[in-house]
Protein backbone atom coordinates (compact mmCIF):
# COMPACT_ATOMS: atom_id res chain seq x y z
CA UNK A 1 96.45 95.53 119.84
CA UNK A 2 92.77 94.97 120.53
CA UNK A 3 90.44 97.89 121.03
CA UNK A 4 87.22 95.95 120.61
CA UNK A 5 85.73 97.23 123.89
CA UNK A 6 85.33 100.78 122.55
CA UNK A 7 82.53 101.92 120.22
CA UNK A 8 83.51 103.23 116.77
CA UNK A 9 82.33 106.72 117.71
CA UNK A 10 83.62 107.83 121.06
CA UNK A 11 81.24 110.11 122.96
CA UNK A 12 81.30 109.62 126.71
CA UNK A 13 84.33 107.50 127.54
CA UNK A 14 87.38 109.17 129.08
CA UNK A 15 90.69 108.05 127.63
CA UNK A 16 94.02 107.89 129.41
CA UNK A 17 96.98 108.07 127.01
CA UNK A 18 99.07 106.07 129.49
CA UNK A 19 96.73 103.06 129.28
CA UNK A 20 97.78 100.84 126.37
CA UNK A 21 94.29 100.01 125.06
CA UNK A 22 93.24 103.68 125.21
CA UNK A 23 96.45 104.81 123.54
CA UNK A 24 96.03 102.18 120.81
CA UNK A 25 92.50 103.39 120.16
CA UNK A 26 93.62 107.03 119.93
CA UNK A 27 96.55 106.12 117.71
CA UNK A 28 94.49 103.98 115.31
CA UNK A 29 91.73 106.57 115.11
CA UNK A 30 93.78 109.75 114.72
CA UNK A 31 97.24 108.91 113.34
CA UNK A 32 96.37 109.03 109.61
CA UNK A 33 94.08 112.09 109.83
CA UNK A 34 96.69 113.98 111.88
CA UNK A 35 99.40 113.13 109.33
CA UNK A 36 97.19 114.46 106.56
CA UNK A 37 96.42 117.58 108.59
CA UNK A 38 100.11 118.21 109.40
CA UNK A 39 101.16 117.60 105.79
CA UNK A 40 99.22 120.69 104.78
CA UNK A 41 101.73 122.74 106.75
CA UNK A 42 105.02 120.86 106.84
CA UNK A 43 104.62 118.33 104.00
CA UNK A 44 107.54 115.89 104.19
CA UNK A 45 107.96 116.11 107.96
CA UNK A 46 104.31 115.43 108.86
CA UNK A 47 104.70 111.74 109.78
CA UNK A 48 107.74 112.46 111.98
CA UNK A 49 105.93 115.30 113.74
CA UNK A 50 102.83 113.19 114.41
CA UNK A 51 104.97 110.27 115.60
CA UNK A 52 106.71 112.62 118.04
CA UNK A 53 103.35 113.91 119.20
CA UNK A 54 102.17 110.36 119.95
CA UNK A 55 105.44 109.54 121.71
CA UNK A 56 104.89 112.53 124.00
CA UNK A 57 101.28 111.50 124.56
CA UNK A 58 102.33 108.01 125.62
CA UNK A 59 104.78 109.31 128.23
CA UNK A 60 102.59 112.09 129.59
CA UNK A 61 99.51 110.01 130.49
CA UNK A 62 96.93 112.68 129.66
CA UNK A 63 93.26 111.99 130.37
CA UNK A 64 90.97 113.06 127.52
CA UNK A 65 87.38 113.40 128.72
CA UNK A 66 85.50 112.55 125.50
CA UNK A 67 85.72 112.52 121.70
CA UNK A 68 85.49 116.29 121.34
CA UNK A 69 88.21 116.81 123.92
CA UNK A 70 90.45 114.21 122.27
CA UNK A 71 89.92 115.65 118.81
CA UNK A 72 90.50 119.27 119.87
CA UNK A 73 93.53 118.38 121.94
CA UNK A 74 95.16 116.31 119.19
CA UNK A 75 94.59 118.77 116.35
CA UNK A 76 95.76 121.74 118.43
CA UNK A 77 98.78 119.74 119.54
CA UNK A 78 99.54 118.86 115.91
CA UNK A 79 99.18 122.49 114.86
CA UNK A 80 101.49 123.61 117.67
CA UNK A 81 104.01 120.90 116.79
CA UNK A 82 103.97 122.12 113.18
CA UNK A 83 104.50 125.69 114.38
CA UNK A 84 107.43 124.56 116.52
CA UNK A 85 108.96 122.70 113.58
CA UNK A 86 108.54 125.69 111.27
CA UNK A 87 110.11 128.02 113.88
CA UNK A 88 113.17 125.81 114.26
CA UNK A 89 113.65 124.79 110.63
CA UNK A 90 116.34 126.55 108.65
CA UNK A 91 114.31 127.43 105.56
CA UNK A 92 113.90 131.16 106.12
CA UNK A 93 111.50 132.19 103.32
CA UNK A 94 109.45 129.01 103.39
CA UNK A 95 109.43 129.04 107.17
CA UNK A 96 108.10 132.60 107.29
CA UNK A 97 105.34 131.89 104.75
CA UNK A 98 104.26 128.63 106.42
CA UNK A 99 104.41 130.12 109.89
CA UNK A 100 102.41 133.15 108.83
CA UNK A 101 99.70 131.00 107.25
CA UNK A 102 99.50 128.56 110.13
CA UNK A 103 99.62 131.24 112.81
CA UNK A 104 96.89 133.29 111.16
CA UNK A 105 94.43 130.41 111.04
CA UNK A 106 91.47 131.49 113.07
CA UNK A 107 89.74 129.05 115.39
CA UNK A 108 86.97 128.78 112.79
CA UNK A 109 89.47 128.04 109.98
CA UNK A 110 91.12 125.42 112.15
CA UNK A 111 87.73 123.82 112.90
CA UNK A 112 86.90 123.73 109.17
CA UNK A 113 90.25 122.10 108.49
CA UNK A 114 89.57 119.51 111.21
CA UNK A 115 86.11 118.77 109.79
CA UNK A 116 87.60 118.35 106.32
CA UNK A 117 90.31 115.99 107.57
CA UNK A 118 87.85 113.97 109.65
CA UNK A 119 85.43 113.60 106.73
CA UNK A 120 88.31 112.49 104.51
CA UNK A 121 89.42 110.00 107.15
CA UNK A 122 85.90 108.59 107.47
CA UNK A 123 85.56 108.21 103.70
CA UNK A 124 88.95 106.49 103.51
CA UNK A 125 87.98 104.14 106.35
CA UNK A 126 84.76 103.21 104.58
CA UNK A 127 86.58 102.70 101.27
CA UNK A 128 88.97 100.36 103.08
CA UNK A 129 85.96 98.44 104.46
CA UNK A 130 84.62 97.74 100.96
CA UNK A 131 85.23 94.30 99.42
CA UNK A 132 88.91 94.09 98.41
CA UNK A 133 88.49 94.32 94.62
CA UNK A 134 85.91 97.07 94.96
CA UNK A 135 88.15 99.05 97.33
CA UNK A 136 91.15 98.81 94.97
CA UNK A 137 89.10 100.01 92.01
CA UNK A 138 87.49 102.92 93.90
CA UNK A 139 90.92 104.07 95.14
CA UNK A 140 92.51 103.80 91.71
CA UNK A 141 89.63 105.50 89.93
CA UNK A 142 88.49 108.25 92.27
CA UNK A 143 91.48 108.92 94.48
CA UNK A 144 94.31 108.33 91.99
CA UNK A 145 92.44 109.38 88.84
CA UNK A 146 93.26 106.24 86.83
CA UNK A 147 91.01 105.57 83.80
CA UNK A 148 88.88 102.40 83.61
CA UNK A 149 90.96 100.91 80.80
CA UNK A 150 94.21 101.30 82.76
CA UNK A 151 92.61 99.83 85.89
CA UNK A 152 91.39 96.82 83.89
CA UNK A 153 94.85 96.34 82.43
CA UNK A 154 96.58 96.79 85.79
CA UNK A 155 94.28 94.35 87.62
CA UNK A 156 93.97 91.97 84.67
CA UNK A 157 90.16 92.20 84.55
CA UNK A 158 87.66 93.46 81.97
CA UNK A 159 86.64 97.10 81.67
CA UNK A 160 83.04 96.04 82.37
CA UNK A 161 84.16 94.45 85.68
CA UNK A 162 85.84 97.75 86.60
CA UNK A 163 82.61 99.64 85.85
CA UNK A 164 80.53 97.12 87.82
CA UNK A 165 82.86 97.28 90.84
CA UNK A 166 82.86 101.10 90.78
CA UNK A 167 79.06 101.10 90.67
CA UNK A 168 78.87 98.57 93.51
CA UNK A 169 81.35 100.55 95.66
CA UNK A 170 79.61 103.88 95.11
CA UNK A 171 76.25 102.32 95.93
CA UNK A 172 77.61 101.00 99.25
CA UNK A 173 79.23 104.34 100.09
CA UNK A 174 76.08 106.29 99.21
CA UNK A 175 74.04 104.11 101.57
CA UNK A 176 76.53 104.76 104.36
CA UNK A 177 76.49 108.53 103.99
CA UNK A 178 72.93 109.26 102.78
CA UNK A 179 71.58 109.80 106.32
CA UNK A 180 74.29 112.37 107.10
CA UNK A 181 73.65 115.28 104.71
CA UNK A 182 76.90 117.13 105.43
CA UNK A 183 79.02 113.99 104.93
CA UNK A 184 76.95 112.97 101.92
CA UNK A 185 77.51 116.34 100.23
CA UNK A 186 81.21 116.09 100.98
CA UNK A 187 81.26 112.57 99.51
CA UNK A 188 79.44 113.74 96.36
CA UNK A 189 81.83 116.67 95.98
CA UNK A 190 84.94 114.56 96.56
CA UNK A 191 83.87 111.92 94.05
CA UNK A 192 82.50 114.54 91.61
CA UNK A 193 79.14 112.79 91.41
């Protein structure tokens, strides 16, 4: 599954979902963010819905013109798949509430949701690119809310090492996002810095 020939940010390249390398790229780039997005509406069925969406994509061989087209198409498809699931599920009260919320999302609300999910996905990708120990500590501390002492105990390291690794990880992440004010503000807000 090599997608080395594509840049990390897709701008001008058309993608054909029936071509394995293109499909792999789309899947690796959007699967996790789409699952997170869908989980806001259907919770425990999100992964199944997104898997079904990708199965349909693979068989339909759709050509996506660029990154914006791919992103819009995938998020709208995920929203519609969630709507379909809610319509056909047997939970009457929950179904009506979820359907009403999802259906009433304006285009602007949907775009804000997509931006939020994409920023989260980018932050998660960058956390995963940190050195292994640093990545573990950042996830435990900032994403799971575990205290320094518990992290030190869990990883069998000193509390000072936990503090040093957190500092190192945040420094790396700040450098990555500092030149993108909107992402940087989101990062600061998410990490409560």
